[in-house]
Amino acid sequence: MRDTERIAIGTRLPLDGEMCEVIALEAAEAVVIDRHGRSSRVRVADLLRQGGLPGASGGRRLAGEPAGVLLGAAGEAVLAEARRRAGHVREMLSGYWSGSEELAAPGEPRPQYAPGVPLMQRYASKAEELGVDARTVRRWARSYRDLGEAGLVDDRGTGTRPPLAGVDTRWQDACLAVLDDQVDESSVTKDLTLRRIRARLDRDFGEGTVPGPRGGAAYRALDELSCGRGSFGSSAKGRRSIAGRPSVTYGRLRASRPGEYVLMDSTRLDVFAMEPVTLRWVQAELTA
């Protein structure tokens, strides 16, 4: 039990080479979302099998996030900026842009970054040179020591944006209501579902009163709210079965003596028999 990790909503972990975030937990399954806004449902056992848990983090940002994930998610401009920052950090720490005396450039080390200069004074010189706060360059140095150049990647442009971010809660409520109404209907398209959501909002709040997502954002929000319902791409029977599931998670029964609990299942058969008293034909059932 020593090698355990806590999985909760907000936990970030690597899955299939992508850093994902847990957004929902249901019994033995977890719903995760990647940096592109795509959600998927995976079993916790599969996460264990892939070895994702040792890198899990309960926060929004992983201090030890795999360098390959950070670098792979960044664009060329972000990578170039990270390399530039790394050069400044190496010059602060060692006096050389490359970090090595053997690869020293002409004029290195500069006087303000010479090895004999106190480190805090070098931090101050670099902050003045770049026009930033001294705490910023100290944070760069700390990140560089932990993760190398990957620690200097500005991930604000690569972070995950939840599909429902900025979506009006009234639109979300109307979407759930429409999805509930469509459980017993024949299969409908997403486009028709979005039109029904808009019609319901216009009816309840007035035309155009409630703003809603548009284009791809609307389809992503619809996919998120319909996740696990079988609203699209499954049969009507499957949707009704999902809608009829208990709203609470299944528990466990602990038997203290034989025969304390009995599990029974009954299925209707395509077999009919005559009831001997009323002489009516009745459908037979197989009960186990």
Protein backbone atom coordinates (compact mmCIF):
# COMPACT_ATOMS: atom_id res chain seq x y z
CA MET A 1 0.00 0.00 0.00
CA ARG A 2 3.01 2.32 0.04
CA ASP A 3 3.01 2.82 -3.74
CA THR A 4 -0.41 4.43 -4.00
CA GLU A 5 -1.67 7.62 -5.60
CA ARG A 6 -4.88 9.52 -5.03
CA ILE A 7 -7.09 9.98 -8.08
CA ALA A 8 -9.68 12.75 -7.83
CA ILE A 9 -11.34 15.30 -10.07
CA GLY A 10 -8.55 17.58 -11.25
CA THR A 11 -5.82 14.92 -11.14
CA ARG A 12 -3.54 15.09 -14.17
CA LEU A 13 -1.79 12.00 -15.51
CA PRO A 14 -0.21 10.77 -18.75
CA LEU A 15 -2.38 8.53 -20.94
CA ASP A 16 -1.34 7.25 -24.37
CA GLY A 17 1.36 9.90 -24.62
CA GLU A 18 -0.98 12.80 -23.78
CA MET A 19 -1.31 14.59 -20.45
CA CYS A 20 -4.96 14.28 -19.44
CA GLU A 21 -7.07 15.59 -16.58
CA VAL A 22 -9.71 13.63 -14.66
CA ILE A 23 -13.05 15.46 -14.84
CA ALA A 24 -15.38 12.77 -13.45
CA LEU A 25 -15.24 9.53 -11.50
CA GLU A 26 -17.90 6.84 -11.73
CA ALA A 27 -17.35 3.60 -9.81
CA ALA A 28 -14.38 1.87 -11.50
CA GLU A 29 -14.24 4.30 -14.45
CA ALA A 30 -12.80 7.75 -14.94
CA VAL A 31 -13.67 10.40 -17.51
CA VAL A 32 -10.55 12.20 -18.69
CA ILE A 33 -10.00 15.11 -21.05
CA ASP A 34 -6.86 15.91 -23.01
CA ARG A 35 -5.37 19.28 -23.93
CA HIS A 36 -7.39 19.35 -27.16
CA GLY A 37 -10.69 19.18 -25.27
CA ARG A 38 -11.42 15.56 -26.24
CA SER A 39 -12.97 13.50 -23.47
CA SER A 40 -12.92 9.74 -23.07
CA ARG A 41 -14.00 7.18 -20.52
CA VAL A 42 -11.36 4.74 -19.28
CA ARG A 43 -11.24 2.12 -16.59
CA VAL A 44 -9.07 2.84 -13.58
CA ALA A 45 -7.59 -0.63 -14.10
CA ASP A 46 -6.39 0.49 -17.54
CA LEU A 47 -4.74 3.53 -16.00
CA LEU A 48 -2.94 1.21 -13.60
CA ARG A 49 -1.92 -1.07 -16.44
CA GLN A 50 -0.44 1.83 -18.41
CA GLY A 51 1.51 3.01 -15.40
CA GLY A 52 -0.02 6.46 -15.44
CA LEU A 53 -0.52 6.82 -11.71
CA PRO A 54 3.08 7.31 -10.56
CA GLY A 55 3.12 10.58 -12.50
CA ALA A 56 -0.27 11.72 -11.29
CA SER A 57 -0.74 15.05 -9.66
CA GLY A 58 -3.62 16.48 -7.72
CA GLY A 59 -2.97 20.00 -8.99
CA ARG A 60 -3.57 21.82 -12.22
CA ARG A 61 0.13 21.80 -13.14
CA LEU A 62 2.58 18.94 -12.71
CA ALA A 63 5.89 19.95 -11.21
CA GLY A 64 7.36 16.68 -12.49
CA GLU A 65 5.35 16.41 -15.70
CA PRO A 66 7.25 14.34 -18.29
CA ALA A 67 9.49 16.56 -20.37
CA GLY A 68 8.38 14.90 -23.60
CA VAL A 69 4.75 15.78 -22.90
CA LEU A 70 5.56 19.42 -22.19
CA LEU A 71 7.81 19.83 -25.23
CA GLY A 72 5.49 17.90 -27.53
CA ALA A 73 2.53 20.11 -26.65
CA ALA A 74 4.36 23.36 -27.37
CA GLY A 75 4.51 25.16 -30.70
CA GLU A 76 7.65 26.32 -32.47
CA ALA A 77 7.40 29.87 -31.11
CA VAL A 78 6.97 28.59 -27.54
CA LEU A 79 9.92 26.22 -27.93
CA ALA A 80 12.11 29.01 -29.29
CA GLU A 81 11.24 31.18 -26.30
CA ALA A 82 12.02 28.29 -23.92
CA ARG A 83 15.44 27.81 -25.56
CA ARG A 84 16.15 31.53 -25.24
CA ARG A 85 15.24 31.49 -21.56
CA ALA A 86 17.40 28.39 -21.05
CA GLY A 87 20.39 30.22 -22.50
CA HIS A 88 19.89 33.11 -20.08
CA VAL A 89 19.54 30.68 -17.15
CA ARG A 90 22.72 28.82 -18.13
CA GLU A 91 24.57 32.11 -18.36
CA MET A 92 23.31 33.07 -14.89
CA LEU A 93 24.33 29.76 -13.34
CA SER A 94 27.62 29.07 -15.12
CA GLY A 95 28.63 32.26 -16.89
CA TYR A 96 28.28 30.62 -20.33
CA TRP A 97 25.28 30.70 -22.68
CA SER A 98 25.86 27.04 -23.55
CA GLY A 99 26.47 26.08 -19.93
CA SER A 100 29.94 24.73 -20.73
CA GLU A 101 33.34 26.38 -20.62
CA GLU A 102 34.48 24.20 -23.54
CA LEU A 103 31.76 25.74 -25.74
CA ALA A 104 32.30 29.32 -24.59
CA ALA A 105 31.34 32.05 -27.04
CA PRO A 106 33.63 35.02 -27.68
CA GLY A 107 33.60 37.39 -24.71
CA GLU A 108 32.28 34.84 -22.21
CA PRO A 109 31.97 34.94 -19.33
CA ARG A 110 30.79 38.50 -19.09
CA PRO A 111 31.93 40.32 -15.93
CA GLN A 112 28.50 40.37 -14.27
CA TYR A 113 28.16 36.58 -14.68
CA ALA A 114 31.71 35.52 -13.88
CA PRO A 115 31.98 32.43 -11.64
CA GLY A 116 33.25 34.50 -8.71
CA VAL A 117 30.21 36.80 -8.67
CA PRO A 118 27.62 35.87 -5.99
CA LEU A 119 24.59 34.06 -7.41
CA MET A 120 22.04 36.56 -6.11
CA GLN A 121 23.99 39.38 -7.77
CA ARG A 122 23.92 37.44 -11.05
CA TYR A 123 20.16 37.03 -10.67
CA ALA A 124 19.80 40.78 -10.19
CA SER A 125 21.98 41.53 -13.23
CA LYS A 126 19.98 39.19 -15.45
CA ALA A 127 16.68 40.63 -14.24
CA GLU A 128 17.89 44.16 -15.05
CA GLU A 129 19.16 43.01 -18.45
CA LEU A 130 15.83 41.41 -19.41
CA GLY A 131 13.61 43.97 -17.74
CA VAL A 132 11.86 41.46 -15.48
CA ASP A 133 11.55 40.92 -11.76
CA ALA A 134 14.35 39.11 -9.94
CA ARG A 135 11.83 36.56 -8.66
CA THR A 136 11.05 35.67 -12.28
CA VAL A 137 14.62 34.73 -13.14
CA ARG A 138 14.95 32.79 -9.87
CA ARG A 139 11.82 30.86 -10.80
CA TRP A 140 13.31 30.14 -14.24
CA ALA A 141 16.45 28.81 -12.61
CA ARG A 142 14.49 26.57 -10.27
CA SER A 143 12.37 25.20 -13.13
CA TYR A 144 15.45 24.62 -15.27
CA ARG A 145 17.10 22.62 -12.50
CA ASP A 146 13.99 20.45 -12.14
CA LEU A 147 13.05 19.79 -15.78
CA GLY A 148 15.64 21.36 -18.03
CA GLU A 149 14.34 23.34 -21.02
CA ALA A 150 10.91 21.71 -20.59
CA GLY A 151 10.52 23.55 -17.30
CA LEU A 152 10.76 26.87 -19.14
CA VAL A 153 7.92 26.11 -21.58
CA ASP A 154 5.12 28.62 -21.23
CA ASP A 155 2.12 26.25 -21.14
CA ARG A 156 -0.55 28.95 -20.96
CA GLY A 157 -1.21 28.45 -24.67
CA THR A 158 -1.22 24.66 -24.44
CA GLY A 159 -3.40 24.13 -21.38
CA THR A 160 -6.65 22.23 -21.49
CA ARG A 161 -9.79 24.30 -21.92
CA PRO A 162 -12.82 22.41 -20.63
CA PRO A 163 -15.57 21.98 -23.26
CA LEU A 164 -18.12 23.71 -21.00
CA ALA A 165 -15.92 26.70 -20.14
CA GLY A 166 -17.90 29.88 -20.75
CA VAL A 167 -21.11 28.01 -21.64
CA ASP A 168 -24.20 29.53 -20.01
CA THR A 169 -25.63 27.23 -17.32
CA ARG A 170 -29.12 27.79 -18.76
CA TRP A 171 -27.91 26.37 -22.06
CA GLN A 172 -26.49 23.37 -20.24
CA ASP A 173 -29.77 22.78 -18.38
CA ALA A 174 -31.75 23.01 -21.62
CA CYS A 175 -29.34 20.57 -23.28
CA LEU A 176 -29.81 18.01 -20.51
CA ALA A 177 -33.59 18.43 -20.69
CA VAL A 178 -33.62 17.85 -24.46
CA LEU A 179 -31.40 14.79 -24.09
CA ASP A 180 -33.80 13.39 -21.49
CA ASP A 181 -36.75 13.98 -23.82
CA GLN A 182 -35.01 12.13 -26.64
CA VAL A 183 -34.38 8.93 -24.66
CA ASP A 184 -37.49 7.17 -25.95
CA GLU A 185 -37.39 8.66 -29.45
CA SER A 186 -35.78 7.29 -32.56
CA SER A 187 -32.16 8.26 -33.08
CA VAL A 188 -31.70 11.96 -33.86
CA THR A 189 -28.72 13.92 -35.14
CA LYS A 190 -26.64 16.35 -33.16
CA ASP A 191 -27.69 19.17 -35.46
CA LEU A 192 -31.36 18.55 -34.70
CA THR A 193 -30.58 18.35 -30.98
CA LEU A 194 -28.85 21.75 -31.07
CA ARG A 195 -31.84 23.27 -32.87
CA ARG A 196 -34.18 21.85 -30.21
CA ILE A 197 -32.00 23.34 -27.47
CA ARG A 198 -32.20 26.77 -29.10
CA ALA A 199 -35.97 26.46 -29.54
CA ARG A 200 -36.42 25.55 -25.87
CA LEU A 201 -34.31 28.50 -24.72
CA ASP A 202 -36.18 30.92 -26.98
CA ARG A 203 -39.49 29.58 -25.65
CA ASP A 204 -38.53 29.78 -21.97
CA PHE A 205 -36.42 32.97 -21.88
CA GLY A 206 -37.23 34.84 -25.05
CA GLU A 207 -35.64 34.76 -28.45
CA GLY A 208 -31.91 35.38 -28.35
CA THR A 209 -31.87 36.07 -24.60
CA VAL A 210 -29.62 33.15 -23.63
CA PRO A 211 -26.33 33.03 -25.57
CA GLY A 212 -25.09 29.63 -26.62
CA PRO A 213 -21.87 28.17 -28.03
CA ARG A 214 -21.50 28.20 -31.79
CA GLY A 215 -19.84 26.03 -34.38
CA GLY A 216 -17.44 23.43 -33.09
CA ALA A 217 -17.77 24.70 -29.50
CA ALA A 218 -21.47 23.78 -29.52
CA TYR A 219 -20.74 20.24 -30.69
CA ARG A 220 -17.99 19.84 -28.10
CA ALA A 221 -20.31 21.02 -25.32
CA LEU A 222 -23.02 18.66 -26.57
CA ASP A 223 -20.56 15.75 -26.62
CA GLU A 224 -19.51 16.55 -23.07
CA LEU A 225 -23.05 16.71 -21.69
CA SER A 226 -24.16 13.58 -23.56
CA CYS A 227 -21.11 11.57 -22.51
CA GLY A 228 -22.16 8.20 -21.12
CA ARG A 229 -25.79 8.57 -22.19
CA GLY A 230 -25.61 6.84 -25.55
CA SER A 231 -27.55 9.74 -27.05
CA PHE A 232 -25.79 9.48 -30.41
CA GLY A 233 -24.52 6.45 -32.22
CA SER A 234 -26.43 3.87 -30.16
CA SER A 235 -29.85 2.26 -30.41
CA ALA A 236 -32.99 3.48 -28.67
CA LYS A 237 -32.96 0.32 -26.57
CA GLY A 238 -29.43 1.11 -25.43
CA ARG A 239 -30.38 4.67 -24.50
CA ARG A 240 -33.35 3.47 -22.47
CA SER A 241 -31.18 0.93 -20.69
CA ILE A 242 -28.62 3.60 -19.78
CA ALA A 243 -31.34 6.02 -18.64
CA GLY A 244 -32.84 3.32 -16.41
CA ARG A 245 -29.62 2.67 -14.52
CA PRO A 246 -29.54 3.56 -10.81
CA SER A 247 -28.25 7.07 -10.17
CA VAL A 248 -26.07 5.86 -7.30
CA THR A 249 -23.03 3.63 -7.58
CA TYR A 250 -23.36 -0.05 -6.82
CA GLY A 251 -22.32 -1.09 -3.34
CA ARG A 252 -21.10 -4.33 -1.82
CA LEU A 253 -22.88 -6.98 0.19
CA ARG A 254 -20.93 -8.79 2.87
CA ALA A 255 -22.49 -12.15 3.68
CA SER A 256 -22.08 -13.46 7.22
CA ARG A 257 -23.78 -16.83 6.65
CA PRO A 258 -24.71 -19.09 3.70
CA GLY A 259 -27.97 -18.21 2.00
CA GLU A 260 -28.16 -14.72 3.49
CA TYR A 261 -28.49 -13.18 0.03
CA VAL A 262 -30.08 -14.60 -3.11
CA LEU A 263 -29.33 -13.28 -6.59
CA MET A 264 -32.17 -13.74 -9.06
CA ASP A 265 -32.48 -12.93 -12.74
CA SER A 266 -35.52 -13.45 -14.94
CA THR A 267 -35.76 -13.25 -18.74
CA ARG A 268 -38.86 -13.48 -20.95
CA LEU A 269 -38.78 -16.25 -23.55
CA ASP A 270 -40.36 -16.53 -26.96
CA VAL A 271 -42.31 -19.47 -25.56
CA PHE A 272 -46.03 -19.48 -24.70
CA ALA A 273 -48.01 -21.88 -22.53
CA MET A 274 -51.66 -22.30 -21.63
CA GLU A 275 -52.69 -21.41 -18.10
CA PRO A 276 -54.70 -24.46 -16.90
CA VAL A 277 -57.42 -22.58 -15.00
CA THR A 278 -58.22 -19.63 -17.26
CA LEU A 279 -57.07 -21.36 -20.46
CA ARG A 280 -55.23 -18.22 -21.51
CA TRP A 281 -51.97 -18.18 -23.40
CA VAL A 282 -49.20 -16.66 -21.26
CA GLN A 283 -45.56 -15.94 -22.08
CA ALA A 284 -43.08 -18.06 -20.19
CA GLU A 285 -40.09 -16.69 -18.30
CA LEU A 286 -36.79 -18.29 -17.44
CA THR A 287 -35.77 -17.52 -13.86
CA ALA A 288 -32.34 -18.34 -12.46
